[in-house]
Amino acid sequence: MTKRKQSMLEESILSLSSNQIVLDGSRLTIEDVESIARSRRSVVIADEAWERLVTARRVIYELAAEGVPVYGLNRGVGWNKDKVIGDDYFEDYNRNLLLSHSAGVKPEATEDVVRAVMLARLNSLLAGATGAQPDIAKRYADFLNMGIHPVLPLRGSVGAADITSISHIGLAMIGEGEVNMAGNRIPASDALMAVGLEPLCLGPKDGLAIVSSNALSAGNGALTLFDIEELLDTADSVYALSLEAIRGNISPLDEAVHLKRPFPGQLKSLAMVRRSLRGSGLWNNFNPDSLQDPLSFRDACQIHGAARDAYVYARQQLEVHLNSSDDNPCVLTEERRILSCANYDPITWTLGFEMLGSALHHVSKSSCYRIIKLGDPDFTGLSRFLTSDPSRSVGFCTVQKTATSLDAEIRHLSNPVSSDYFSLAGDMEDHAANSPYVVSKAREIVDRVTYILAIEALHAAQAIDLRRDMTLGEGTRAGYELLRSEVPFLSEDRNQSIDIERAYLLLKEGKWLRAVRGKMNEFSK
C-alpha cells in the first residue's frame, strides 16, 4: 500500500465515530440514520441478522437446485422475466445487470446522503428476505465504517425501486465507477485496494438485491424528516419572538383552549411556544390593540401543529419501511418459499412527504404574512418597514419581495407529483411514485422555509430594538441575543443579502435552536 493510500485510509477511519450502532433490520430510527450519516457513527451487523442472511441464501440455492423458477436468480428481471439464466452465466449476468441499470444523472448526492442511502439498504437486507450473499451486507457496512462513499447520481429513478441510481453503489462494490474517500474522488478500485478489500464476485440474485430497493428515497427521506422536525421547533420559536415584537395577545396560547381540540401536533407547538415565552412581559402586560390579532399570529400553533401531524404520519410510515424488506421476490425462509410481490412500492410514505410539502407551505405563508405585517406602521405602531430613520433609510422594504418569492417557489414545489408516471418495460411496470423527486422537493421546501423564517427573525429583532425596554421570554431572548451577535441592529441601509445569509445559517446549522433549547432547559431546572 502506498503512503498516500495508507494516509487516506487512516483519515477516513479516524473521521468515523467509534460509538457503534448495532443493526438488526428492525430497530433503525430516523435519529440513527442522521447520526450515522452526518456524525459518521459506525455500524455493526447483529449476529441474529447475519444468520438470517445465511439461511435465506441457502434456501434460494436449494429452491434453484429443485428447478423452481426464481426471478433474478435463474430468470431475468423486468420484461426479461422469461429469459433463463444458466449457472455458468451468474457472475457475468449480475455484473451486466449493475452496468445496464446504472443510468442516473446529476446532481450527485452529498456524502451524508450517500451514507443514509447505504444504511437504508443495509438495514432492509437484514430482514433476511432477499437471498443475496451475506457479503453484500458486509460490504455496505464496510463502506460506512471505512468512509467509502460511491458517487451517486440523484436523478433518474421513477420511485418503483430506485434502480437507476443505487446501481452506482453496486458498481463501487465490484471495483467499477468512482467513490469519494477522505476528501478525494478516486476510482472505486483504488479505494478498495487502499482498505484491503477485494471487488465483490457477484452470484445469483446479487445484482437484483443491490439495485431493487427504494434506498435512495428512503435514506434521503430520513434525513429530510430529521431536518423537518428541527425546522418546526425553529418555526415555533421564531413565531414566539414575532409575537413579542408586536406585543401580541397571548390568550390564544391558553392551554385550556387547545385542550378543547387536542390535536397532538398543535399541543406540541403550543408547548414549544409557551416554553419560549416563559418570563416574557406578554404574560403581565395586556395590549388592548391586540385583542384579535391577525390569523398569521393567532393560529400559528394550529398551522405548525398540522405540519407536525403530517410529519408524524410520514415518519411512522418511513420507519416501517426502513425496518422491512422491500425486495421482489421475497424469500420466506421458514416456509422455504420465494414469492413475486410488490413490496417495493413506496406510495404509502411517499404520500406522507407530499402531505408534508403542503403543510410546510402553510408554515411558509403564515411567516410571510407576519413579515409583511411587521413592516406595517398601522399595525405595529413603529416606523414603516422598521427603519431606524424614516427620512434617511428604506429599512426592510425590499426584503418582503425576497420572502414572498421564496414562498412562490414553495407553492410550486408543494404540488403533488407522485401520480405522474408512465407505463414502462413492456407495460409490466405501470405504477410508480416518483419518490426520490418527492423527497428532494421536500428538502428544497425546508431550505426555503428556513430562509423565510430567518427573514422573519430579522424583522422581529428589529421591532424589539425599536420598542426598547421589553422583557423577553427565556427562549426568545436566547434566540434574539444569538441573532444580534451575528447581525447588528439595522441603523442604516446596508447589504441585506449578507444579513439574511447570516441569519439563515444560524437557523440552518441549528445554532438558533440549540441556544433556545439550552436556555429553556436551564430555566426549567
Protein backbone atom coordinates (compact mmCIF):
# COMPACT_ATOMS: atom_id res chain seq x y z
CA MET A 1 0.00 0.00 0.00
CA THR A 2 1.36 3.41 -0.97
CA LYS A 3 1.81 6.12 1.67
CA ARG A 4 -0.94 8.17 0.03
CA LYS A 5 -3.42 5.31 0.18
CA GLN A 6 -2.42 4.48 3.75
CA SER A 7 -2.96 8.13 4.70
CA MET A 8 -6.36 8.16 3.00
CA LEU A 9 -7.41 5.04 4.88
CA GLU A 10 -6.27 6.45 8.23
CA GLU A 11 -8.01 9.78 7.60
CA SER A 12 -11.19 8.04 6.55
CA ILE A 13 -11.34 5.74 9.55
CA LEU A 14 -10.33 8.45 12.04
CA SER A 15 -13.22 10.61 10.82
CA LEU A 16 -15.69 7.94 11.93
CA SER A 17 -17.09 7.68 15.42
CA SER A 18 -16.25 4.53 17.35
CA ASN A 19 -19.68 4.69 19.01
CA GLN A 20 -21.24 1.86 17.05
CA ILE A 21 -24.91 1.31 16.27
CA VAL A 22 -25.99 -2.33 16.09
CA LEU A 23 -28.20 -3.05 13.08
CA ASP A 24 -30.66 -5.93 13.24
CA GLY A 25 -33.11 -4.96 10.49
CA SER A 26 -35.91 -3.98 12.85
CA ARG A 27 -34.97 -1.06 15.12
CA LEU A 28 -33.45 1.65 12.94
CA THR A 29 -34.78 5.14 13.73
CA ILE A 30 -34.66 8.48 11.94
CA GLU A 31 -32.19 9.67 14.59
CA ASP A 32 -29.96 6.65 13.95
CA VAL A 33 -29.88 7.45 10.24
CA GLU A 34 -28.95 11.06 10.96
CA SER A 35 -26.16 10.16 13.39
CA ILE A 36 -24.63 7.53 11.09
CA ALA A 37 -24.94 9.76 8.02
CA ARG A 38 -23.79 13.07 9.50
CA SER A 39 -21.88 12.24 12.67
CA ARG A 40 -20.26 9.25 10.92
CA ARG A 41 -21.10 6.74 13.62
CA SER A 42 -20.03 3.24 12.66
CA VAL A 43 -22.28 0.21 12.36
CA VAL A 44 -22.11 -3.47 13.24
CA ILE A 45 -24.42 -6.21 11.98
CA ALA A 46 -26.19 -8.13 14.74
CA ASP A 47 -25.41 -11.86 14.89
CA GLU A 48 -29.05 -12.88 14.51
CA ALA A 49 -29.39 -10.69 11.41
CA TRP A 50 -26.31 -12.28 9.88
CA GLU A 51 -27.80 -15.73 10.47
CA ARG A 52 -30.96 -14.66 8.64
CA LEU A 53 -28.84 -13.69 5.64
CA VAL A 54 -27.01 -17.01 5.63
CA THR A 55 -30.21 -19.02 5.95
CA ALA A 56 -32.02 -17.12 3.19
CA ARG A 57 -29.08 -17.60 0.84
CA ARG A 58 -29.11 -21.33 1.47
CA VAL A 59 -32.85 -21.54 0.80
CA ILE A 60 -32.72 -19.89 -2.62
CA TYR A 61 -29.90 -22.20 -3.72
CA GLU A 62 -31.95 -25.19 -2.59
CA LEU A 63 -35.01 -23.98 -4.48
CA ALA A 64 -32.98 -23.26 -7.60
CA ALA A 65 -31.50 -26.77 -7.45
CA GLU A 66 -35.03 -28.13 -7.39
CA GLY A 67 -35.76 -26.33 -10.66
CA VAL A 68 -38.02 -23.65 -9.15
CA PRO A 69 -38.04 -20.52 -11.39
CA VAL A 70 -36.65 -17.68 -9.30
CA TYR A 71 -36.90 -14.09 -10.53
CA GLY A 72 -33.45 -12.52 -10.62
CA LEU A 73 -31.70 -15.80 -9.89
CA ASN A 74 -32.29 -18.26 -12.73
CA ARG A 75 -34.67 -15.94 -14.60
CA GLY A 76 -34.18 -12.40 -15.90
CA VAL A 77 -35.69 -9.26 -14.44
CA GLY A 78 -38.34 -6.84 -15.64
CA TRP A 79 -39.59 -7.55 -19.15
CA ASN A 80 -36.84 -10.20 -19.39
CA LYS A 81 -38.52 -12.35 -16.75
CA ASP A 82 -38.91 -15.08 -19.37
CA LYS A 83 -35.15 -15.36 -20.02
CA VAL A 84 -33.43 -18.36 -18.45
CA ILE A 85 -30.07 -17.67 -16.75
CA GLY A 86 -27.69 -20.63 -16.65
CA ASP A 87 -25.31 -21.42 -13.79
CA ASP A 88 -22.29 -20.56 -15.92
CA TYR A 89 -23.60 -17.04 -16.55
CA PHE A 90 -24.43 -15.97 -12.99
CA GLU A 91 -21.45 -13.67 -12.40
CA ASP A 92 -21.47 -12.03 -15.83
CA TYR A 93 -25.25 -11.61 -15.78
CA ASN A 94 -25.25 -9.89 -12.40
CA ARG A 95 -22.32 -7.67 -13.32
CA ASN A 96 -24.11 -6.69 -16.53
CA LEU A 97 -27.28 -6.03 -14.55
CA LEU A 98 -25.42 -3.43 -12.45
CA LEU A 99 -23.87 -1.82 -15.51
CA SER A 100 -27.06 -1.71 -17.54
CA HIS A 101 -29.10 -0.25 -14.68
CA SER A 102 -26.55 2.47 -13.87
CA ALA A 103 -28.40 5.25 -15.66
CA GLY A 104 -28.74 8.04 -13.10
CA VAL A 105 -27.83 11.62 -13.91
CA LYS A 106 -26.54 14.58 -11.90
CA PRO A 107 -26.67 16.25 -9.46
CA GLU A 108 -24.70 13.89 -7.27
CA ALA A 109 -25.57 13.10 -3.68
CA THR A 110 -23.60 14.60 -0.82
CA GLU A 111 -21.66 12.19 1.37
CA ASP A 112 -24.23 12.32 4.17
CA VAL A 113 -26.99 11.35 1.73
CA VAL A 114 -24.86 8.53 0.28
CA ARG A 115 -24.32 7.20 3.79
CA ALA A 116 -28.04 7.38 4.56
CA VAL A 117 -28.83 5.53 1.33
CA MET A 118 -26.33 2.74 2.02
CA LEU A 119 -27.63 2.43 5.57
CA ALA A 120 -31.24 2.21 4.41
CA ARG A 121 -30.40 -0.62 2.03
CA LEU A 122 -28.21 -2.42 4.55
CA ASN A 123 -30.88 -2.46 7.23
CA SER A 124 -33.58 -3.68 4.84
CA LEU A 125 -31.28 -6.50 3.71
CA LEU A 126 -31.01 -7.63 7.33
CA ALA A 127 -34.69 -8.59 7.31
CA GLY A 128 -33.45 -11.73 5.56
CA ALA A 129 -35.97 -11.73 2.71
CA THR A 130 -33.54 -11.04 -0.15
CA GLY A 131 -31.47 -14.18 -0.58
CA ALA A 132 -28.34 -12.30 -1.62
CA GLN A 133 -24.91 -13.41 -0.49
CA PRO A 134 -24.26 -12.08 3.05
CA ASP A 135 -21.02 -10.43 1.89
CA ILE A 136 -23.11 -7.76 0.14
CA ALA A 137 -24.48 -6.64 3.51
CA LYS A 138 -20.96 -6.71 4.91
CA ARG A 139 -19.75 -4.55 2.03
CA TYR A 140 -22.35 -1.87 2.85
CA ALA A 141 -21.16 -1.92 6.47
CA ASP A 142 -17.52 -1.75 5.38
CA PHE A 143 -18.20 1.24 3.15
CA LEU A 144 -19.93 3.04 6.02
CA ASN A 145 -17.23 2.22 8.55
CA MET A 146 -14.31 2.95 6.24
CA GLY A 147 -15.75 6.16 4.83
CA ILE A 148 -16.04 4.93 1.23
CA HIS A 149 -18.82 6.87 -0.47
CA PRO A 150 -19.78 5.85 -4.01
CA VAL A 151 -20.55 8.67 -6.42
CA LEU A 152 -24.33 8.55 -6.51
CA PRO A 153 -26.46 10.44 -9.08
CA LEU A 154 -29.72 11.65 -7.60
CA ARG A 155 -31.94 11.76 -10.65
CA GLY A 156 -33.31 9.01 -12.86
CA SER A 157 -35.47 6.87 -10.55
CA VAL A 158 -39.24 6.82 -11.01
CA GLY A 159 -39.71 5.60 -7.46
CA ALA A 160 -40.64 1.98 -8.08
CA ALA A 161 -37.32 0.86 -6.61
CA ASP A 162 -34.51 3.38 -7.19
CA ILE A 163 -32.82 1.14 -9.74
CA THR A 164 -31.14 3.71 -11.98
CA SER A 165 -29.35 5.45 -9.10
CA ILE A 166 -28.39 2.95 -6.44
CA SER A 167 -26.87 0.67 -9.07
CA HIS A 168 -23.88 3.01 -8.87
CA ILE A 169 -23.28 1.86 -5.30
CA GLY A 170 -23.12 -1.70 -6.60
CA LEU A 171 -20.57 -0.65 -9.20
CA ALA A 172 -18.25 0.52 -6.43
CA MET A 173 -18.63 -2.81 -4.67
CA ILE A 174 -17.27 -4.65 -7.70
CA GLY A 175 -14.49 -2.10 -8.27
CA GLU A 176 -16.21 -0.07 -11.00
CA GLY A 177 -17.12 3.60 -11.02
CA GLU A 178 -15.87 6.24 -8.59
CA VAL A 179 -16.07 7.00 -4.89
CA ASN A 180 -15.36 9.88 -2.54
CA MET A 181 -12.95 8.96 0.24
CA ALA A 182 -11.09 11.20 2.70
CA GLY A 183 -11.89 14.26 0.61
CA ASN A 184 -10.70 12.73 -2.67
CA ARG A 185 -12.65 11.49 -5.68
CA ILE A 186 -10.93 8.33 -6.86
CA PRO A 187 -11.68 5.15 -8.84
CA ALA A 188 -13.54 2.60 -6.73
CA SER A 189 -10.84 0.04 -7.48
CA ASP A 190 -8.24 2.28 -5.84
CA ALA A 191 -10.40 2.75 -2.77
CA LEU A 192 -10.91 -0.99 -2.36
CA MET A 193 -7.19 -1.58 -2.69
CA ALA A 194 -6.43 1.15 -0.16
CA VAL A 195 -8.53 -0.53 2.53
CA GLY A 196 -7.64 -4.10 1.61
CA LEU A 197 -10.98 -5.15 0.14
CA GLU A 198 -11.35 -7.34 -2.92
CA PRO A 199 -14.01 -6.46 -5.51
CA LEU A 200 -17.14 -8.48 -4.83
CA CYS A 201 -17.72 -11.51 -7.02
CA LEU A 202 -21.45 -11.47 -7.72
CA GLY A 203 -23.53 -14.60 -7.64
CA PRO A 204 -27.17 -15.39 -8.42
CA LYS A 205 -29.71 -12.76 -7.36
CA ASP A 206 -26.95 -10.45 -6.07
CA GLY A 207 -27.35 -7.82 -8.75
CA LEU A 208 -31.10 -7.58 -8.20
CA ALA A 209 -30.56 -7.32 -4.43
CA ILE A 210 -28.34 -4.29 -4.94
CA VAL A 211 -30.43 -2.40 -7.48
CA SER A 212 -34.00 -3.24 -6.47
CA SER A 213 -34.67 -1.08 -3.43
CA ASN A 214 -36.08 2.32 -2.52
CA ALA A 215 -32.96 3.12 -0.51
CA LEU A 216 -32.28 6.42 -2.31
CA SER A 217 -35.62 7.96 -1.43
CA ALA A 218 -35.81 6.26 1.98
CA GLY A 219 -32.33 7.30 3.14
CA ASN A 220 -32.66 10.84 1.84
CA GLY A 221 -36.18 10.94 3.26
CA ALA A 222 -34.95 10.02 6.74
CA LEU A 223 -32.51 12.94 6.76
CA THR A 224 -35.24 15.23 5.46
CA LEU A 225 -37.61 14.20 8.24
CA PHE A 226 -34.95 14.87 10.85
CA ASP A 227 -34.50 18.36 9.44
CA ILE A 228 -38.25 18.99 9.28
CA GLU A 229 -38.71 18.26 12.98
CA GLU A 230 -35.92 20.70 13.80
CA LEU A 231 -37.43 23.24 11.40
CA LEU A 232 -40.82 23.12 13.12
CA ASP A 233 -39.28 23.74 16.54
CA THR A 234 -37.40 26.67 14.98
CA ALA A 235 -40.61 27.99 13.43
CA ASP A 236 -42.32 27.92 16.82
CA SER A 237 -39.52 29.88 18.49
CA VAL A 238 -39.31 32.47 15.69
CA TYR A 239 -43.06 32.95 15.83
CA ALA A 240 -42.83 33.49 19.61
CA LEU A 241 -40.28 36.27 19.03
CA SER A 242 -42.56 37.90 16.46
CA LEU A 243 -45.47 37.75 18.90
CA GLU A 244 -43.36 39.68 21.39
CA ALA A 245 -42.34 42.13 18.68
CA ILE A 246 -45.99 43.12 18.10
CA ARG A 247 -46.89 42.88 21.79
CA GLY A 248 -49.46 40.30 20.74
CA ASN A 249 -52.37 38.75 22.54
CA ILE A 250 -51.39 35.61 24.42
CA SER A 251 -54.94 34.38 25.10
CA PRO A 252 -54.74 32.06 22.03
CA LEU A 253 -51.86 30.37 23.87
CA ASP A 254 -54.02 29.35 26.84
CA GLU A 255 -53.71 25.61 27.30
CA ALA A 256 -57.38 25.26 28.25
CA VAL A 257 -58.40 26.50 24.80
CA HIS A 258 -56.19 23.98 22.99
CA LEU A 259 -57.36 21.09 25.17
CA LYS A 260 -60.86 21.66 23.81
CA ARG A 261 -59.49 20.46 20.44
CA PRO A 262 -56.38 18.47 21.34
CA PHE A 263 -54.66 17.70 18.05
CA PRO A 264 -51.25 16.26 19.02
CA GLY A 265 -49.14 18.47 16.76
CA GLN A 266 -50.98 21.60 17.85
CA LEU A 267 -50.33 20.78 21.51
CA LYS A 268 -46.64 20.16 20.81
CA SER A 269 -46.23 23.52 19.07
CA LEU A 270 -48.14 25.21 21.89
CA ALA A 271 -45.74 23.71 24.44
CA MET A 272 -42.73 24.93 22.44
CA VAL A 273 -44.13 28.46 22.10
CA ARG A 274 -45.11 28.72 25.75
CA ARG A 275 -41.70 27.48 26.88
CA SER A 276 -40.02 30.01 24.59
CA LEU A 277 -42.11 32.77 26.19
CA ARG A 278 -41.50 31.85 29.83
CA GLY A 279 -40.80 35.05 31.72
CA SER A 280 -41.99 37.26 28.87
CA GLY A 281 -43.67 40.55 29.62
CA LEU A 282 -46.56 39.47 27.42
CA TRP A 283 -47.98 37.44 30.28
CA ASN A 284 -48.26 40.52 32.52
CA ASN A 285 -48.94 43.46 30.21
CA PHE A 286 -52.04 43.11 28.08
CA ASN A 287 -52.04 45.21 24.92
CA PRO A 288 -55.67 46.19 24.14
CA ASP A 289 -54.77 46.74 20.48
CA SER A 290 -54.08 43.01 20.15
CA LEU A 291 -57.49 41.78 21.28
CA GLN A 292 -57.94 39.94 17.96
CA ASP A 293 -54.58 39.55 16.22
CA PRO A 294 -54.40 38.52 12.53
CA LEU A 295 -54.63 34.78 11.96
CA SER A 296 -50.97 34.52 11.00
CA PHE A 297 -50.23 35.41 14.63
CA ARG A 298 -53.30 33.95 16.30
CA ASP A 299 -53.23 30.41 14.94
CA ALA A 300 -49.54 29.70 14.38
CA CYS A 301 -49.75 26.73 16.78
CA GLN A 302 -52.57 25.25 14.71
CA ILE A 303 -50.65 25.81 11.44
CA HIS A 304 -47.36 24.46 12.75
CA GLY A 305 -49.23 21.69 14.54
CA ALA A 306 -50.77 20.48 11.29
CA ALA A 307 -47.28 20.18 9.85
CA ARG A 308 -46.21 18.24 12.94
CA ASP A 309 -49.10 15.81 12.48
CA ALA A 310 -48.12 15.32 8.83
CA TYR A 311 -44.54 14.76 9.98
CA VAL A 312 -45.61 12.06 12.44
CA TYR A 313 -47.51 10.19 9.73
CA ALA A 314 -44.59 10.35 7.29
CA ARG A 315 -42.14 9.29 9.98
CA GLN A 316 -44.21 6.33 11.12
CA GLN A 317 -44.62 5.04 7.58
CA LEU A 318 -40.97 5.57 6.64
CA GLU A 319 -39.68 3.83 9.76
CA VAL A 320 -41.84 0.82 8.90
CA HIS A 321 -40.17 0.83 5.50
CA LEU A 322 -36.64 1.25 6.88
CA ASN A 323 -37.15 -1.80 9.09
CA SER A 324 -38.74 -4.04 6.47
CA SER A 325 -37.83 -5.80 3.25
CA ASP A 326 -38.79 -4.04 0.02
CA ASP A 327 -37.48 -6.92 -2.07
CA ASN A 328 -39.10 -8.59 -5.03
CA PRO A 329 -39.15 -11.54 -4.99
CA CYS A 330 -39.50 -12.06 -1.26
CA VAL A 331 -37.79 -15.01 0.41
CA LEU A 332 -39.90 -16.64 3.13
CA THR A 333 -37.16 -18.64 4.78
CA GLU A 334 -39.20 -20.56 7.34
CA GLU A 335 -41.67 -21.69 4.67
CA ARG A 336 -38.97 -22.34 2.05
CA ARG A 337 -40.86 -20.22 -0.45
CA ILE A 338 -39.86 -17.35 -2.69
CA LEU A 339 -42.73 -15.23 -3.98
CA SER A 340 -43.11 -12.48 -6.53
CA CYS A 341 -44.54 -9.40 -4.83
CA ALA A 342 -44.78 -5.60 -4.90
CA ASN A 343 -43.29 -4.76 -1.51
CA TYR A 344 -41.02 -2.23 -3.21
CA ASP A 345 -43.98 0.09 -3.80
CA PRO A 346 -43.31 3.17 -1.59
CA ILE A 347 -46.58 5.03 -2.14
CA THR A 348 -47.76 4.97 1.49
CA TRP A 349 -44.86 7.04 2.82
CA THR A 350 -44.38 8.99 -0.40
CA LEU A 351 -47.87 10.40 0.11
CA GLY A 352 -46.76 11.39 3.59
CA PHE A 353 -43.98 13.52 2.11
CA GLU A 354 -46.39 15.13 -0.32
CA MET A 355 -48.68 15.98 2.59
CA LEU A 356 -45.68 17.45 4.41
CA GLY A 357 -44.89 19.66 1.43
CA SER A 358 -48.39 21.15 1.55
CA ALA A 359 -48.21 21.55 5.32
CA LEU A 360 -44.86 23.35 5.16
CA HIS A 361 -46.30 25.75 2.59
CA HIS A 362 -48.84 26.83 5.21
CA VAL A 363 -45.93 27.42 7.61
CA SER A 364 -44.19 29.48 4.95
CA LYS A 365 -47.25 31.50 4.01
CA SER A 366 -48.10 32.46 7.59
CA SER A 367 -44.49 33.51 8.22
CA CYS A 368 -44.59 35.72 5.13
CA TYR A 369 -47.75 37.41 6.37
CA ARG A 370 -46.14 38.07 9.73
CA ILE A 371 -43.16 39.61 7.92
CA ILE A 372 -45.43 41.90 5.92
CA LYS A 373 -47.38 42.95 9.00
CA LEU A 374 -44.20 43.64 10.97
CA GLY A 375 -43.33 46.23 8.32
CA ASP A 376 -46.74 47.95 8.52
CA PRO A 377 -46.73 51.01 10.79
CA ASP A 378 -50.52 50.99 11.10
CA PHE A 379 -50.27 47.53 12.61
CA THR A 380 -47.12 47.80 14.73
CA GLY A 381 -47.15 51.48 15.70
CA LEU A 382 -43.50 51.53 14.63
CA SER A 383 -41.83 53.05 11.58
CA ARG A 384 -42.62 51.88 8.06
CA PHE A 385 -40.52 48.81 7.17
CA LEU A 386 -38.97 49.08 10.65
CA THR A 387 -36.47 51.73 9.55
CA SER A 388 -34.49 53.44 12.27
CA ASP A 389 -34.67 56.80 10.44
CA PRO A 390 -37.64 57.17 8.03
CA SER A 391 -36.10 60.26 6.45
CA ARG A 392 -32.80 58.57 5.56
CA SER A 393 -33.39 54.81 5.42
CA VAL A 394 -35.57 52.39 3.44
CA GLY A 395 -35.29 49.62 6.04
CA PHE A 396 -36.82 46.22 5.26
CA CYS A 397 -38.93 47.35 2.29
CA THR A 398 -37.38 45.19 -0.42
CA VAL A 399 -36.84 42.14 1.81
CA GLN A 400 -40.57 41.41 1.57
CA LYS A 401 -40.01 40.53 -2.08
CA THR A 402 -37.32 38.00 -1.18
CA ALA A 403 -39.58 36.21 1.28
CA THR A 404 -42.62 36.13 -0.97
CA SER A 405 -40.63 34.98 -3.99
CA LEU A 406 -39.38 32.05 -1.93
CA ASP A 407 -42.95 31.30 -0.90
CA ALA A 408 -43.98 31.23 -4.57
CA GLU A 409 -41.29 28.62 -5.19
CA ILE A 410 -42.56 26.61 -2.23
CA ARG A 411 -46.08 26.73 -3.64
CA HIS A 412 -44.76 25.23 -6.87
CA LEU A 413 -42.64 22.62 -5.07
CA SER A 414 -45.57 21.54 -2.91
CA ASN A 415 -47.60 20.44 -5.93
CA PRO A 416 -48.08 16.64 -5.89
CA VAL A 417 -46.08 14.59 -8.36
CA SER A 418 -46.41 11.00 -7.12
CA SER A 419 -49.12 10.22 -9.67
CA ASP A 420 -47.13 11.41 -12.71
CA TYR A 421 -45.71 8.22 -14.21
CA PHE A 422 -45.54 6.26 -17.44
CA SER A 423 -46.15 2.58 -18.08
CA LEU A 424 -42.71 1.10 -18.80
CA ALA A 425 -40.92 -2.19 -19.50
CA GLY A 426 -43.46 -3.57 -21.93
CA ASP A 427 -46.33 -2.39 -19.72
CA MET A 428 -45.08 -4.57 -16.89
CA GLU A 429 -44.28 -1.53 -14.77
CA ASP A 430 -47.43 0.58 -14.93
CA HIS A 431 -47.25 2.14 -11.47
CA ALA A 432 -44.64 4.36 -9.83
CA ALA A 433 -44.46 7.08 -7.18
CA ASN A 434 -41.53 9.35 -8.14
CA SER A 435 -40.42 9.03 -4.52
CA PRO A 436 -36.86 10.41 -4.91
CA TYR A 437 -38.21 13.56 -6.52
CA VAL A 438 -40.95 13.92 -3.90
CA VAL A 439 -38.31 13.71 -1.16
CA SER A 440 -35.94 16.09 -2.95
CA LYS A 441 -38.77 18.62 -3.29
CA ALA A 442 -39.40 18.36 0.45
CA ARG A 443 -35.70 19.14 1.08
CA GLU A 444 -35.94 22.17 -1.20
CA ILE A 445 -39.01 23.35 0.67
CA VAL A 446 -37.21 23.01 4.01
CA ASP A 447 -34.37 25.18 2.73
CA ARG A 448 -36.70 27.92 1.50
CA VAL A 449 -38.78 27.92 4.69
CA THR A 450 -35.54 28.31 6.64
CA TYR A 451 -34.70 31.45 4.67
CA ILE A 452 -38.19 32.85 5.24
CA LEU A 453 -38.00 32.19 9.00
CA ALA A 454 -34.58 33.89 9.05
CA ILE A 455 -36.12 36.97 7.44
CA GLU A 456 -38.96 36.89 9.98
CA ALA A 457 -36.45 36.69 12.84
CA LEU A 458 -34.61 39.74 11.46
CA HIS A 459 -37.88 41.69 11.41
CA ALA A 460 -38.86 40.60 14.91
CA ALA A 461 -35.47 41.54 16.37
CA GLN A 462 -35.57 44.94 14.66
CA ALA A 463 -39.04 45.66 16.03
CA ILE A 464 -37.97 44.67 19.53
CA ASP A 465 -34.99 47.03 19.34
CA LEU A 466 -37.21 49.88 18.15
CA ARG A 467 -39.61 49.33 21.06
CA ARG A 468 -36.83 49.22 23.67
CA ASP A 469 -37.13 48.08 27.29
CA MET A 470 -39.01 44.87 26.54
CA THR A 471 -38.94 41.81 28.78
CA LEU A 472 -38.40 38.84 26.52
CA GLY A 473 -39.04 35.23 27.34
CA GLU A 474 -36.17 32.96 28.29
CA GLY A 475 -36.16 31.12 24.97
CA THR A 476 -36.89 34.09 22.76
CA ARG A 477 -34.21 36.16 24.44
CA ALA A 478 -31.65 33.44 23.73
CA GLY A 479 -32.59 33.47 20.04
CA TYR A 480 -32.61 37.27 19.92
CA GLU A 481 -29.20 37.58 21.56
CA LEU A 482 -27.67 34.97 19.25
CA LEU A 483 -29.05 36.77 16.22
CA ARG A 484 -27.72 40.09 17.41
CA SER A 485 -24.28 38.55 17.95
CA GLU A 486 -24.18 37.91 14.19
CA VAL A 487 -26.43 40.60 12.74
CA PRO A 488 -26.44 44.07 14.32
CA PHE A 489 -29.42 46.41 14.51
CA LEU A 490 -30.25 47.94 11.12
CA SER A 491 -29.35 51.52 11.96
CA GLU A 492 -28.81 52.48 8.32
CA ASP A 493 -29.27 50.80 4.96
CA ARG A 494 -26.76 48.09 4.12
CA ASN A 495 -26.49 44.92 2.02
CA GLN A 496 -29.49 42.87 3.15
CA SER A 497 -28.31 39.67 1.47
CA ILE A 498 -25.42 39.44 3.94
CA ASP A 499 -27.73 39.82 6.93
CA ILE A 500 -30.21 37.29 5.57
CA GLU A 501 -27.48 34.73 4.93
CA ARG A 502 -26.06 35.11 8.43
CA ALA A 503 -29.48 34.67 10.00
CA TYR A 504 -30.22 31.74 7.69
CA LEU A 505 -27.04 29.92 8.71
CA LEU A 506 -27.88 30.36 12.40
CA LEU A 507 -31.15 28.56 11.76
CA LYS A 508 -29.90 26.01 9.22
CA GLU A 509 -26.88 24.92 11.26
CA GLY A 510 -29.02 24.52 14.38
CA LYS A 511 -27.29 27.23 16.43
CA TRP A 512 -30.54 29.15 16.96
CA LEU A 513 -32.42 26.10 18.18
CA ARG A 514 -29.60 24.93 20.43
CA ALA A 515 -29.47 28.36 22.05
CA VAL A 516 -33.24 28.46 22.56
CA ARG A 517 -33.46 24.90 23.85
CA GLY A 518 -30.45 25.37 26.09
CA LYS A 519 -31.94 28.40 27.78
CA MET A 520 -35.38 26.80 28.11
CA ASN A 521 -33.86 23.70 29.71
CA GLU A 522 -31.77 25.82 32.04
CA PHE A 523 -34.85 27.82 33.04
CA SER A 524 -36.88 24.67 33.77
CA LYS A 525 -34.32 23.20 36.20
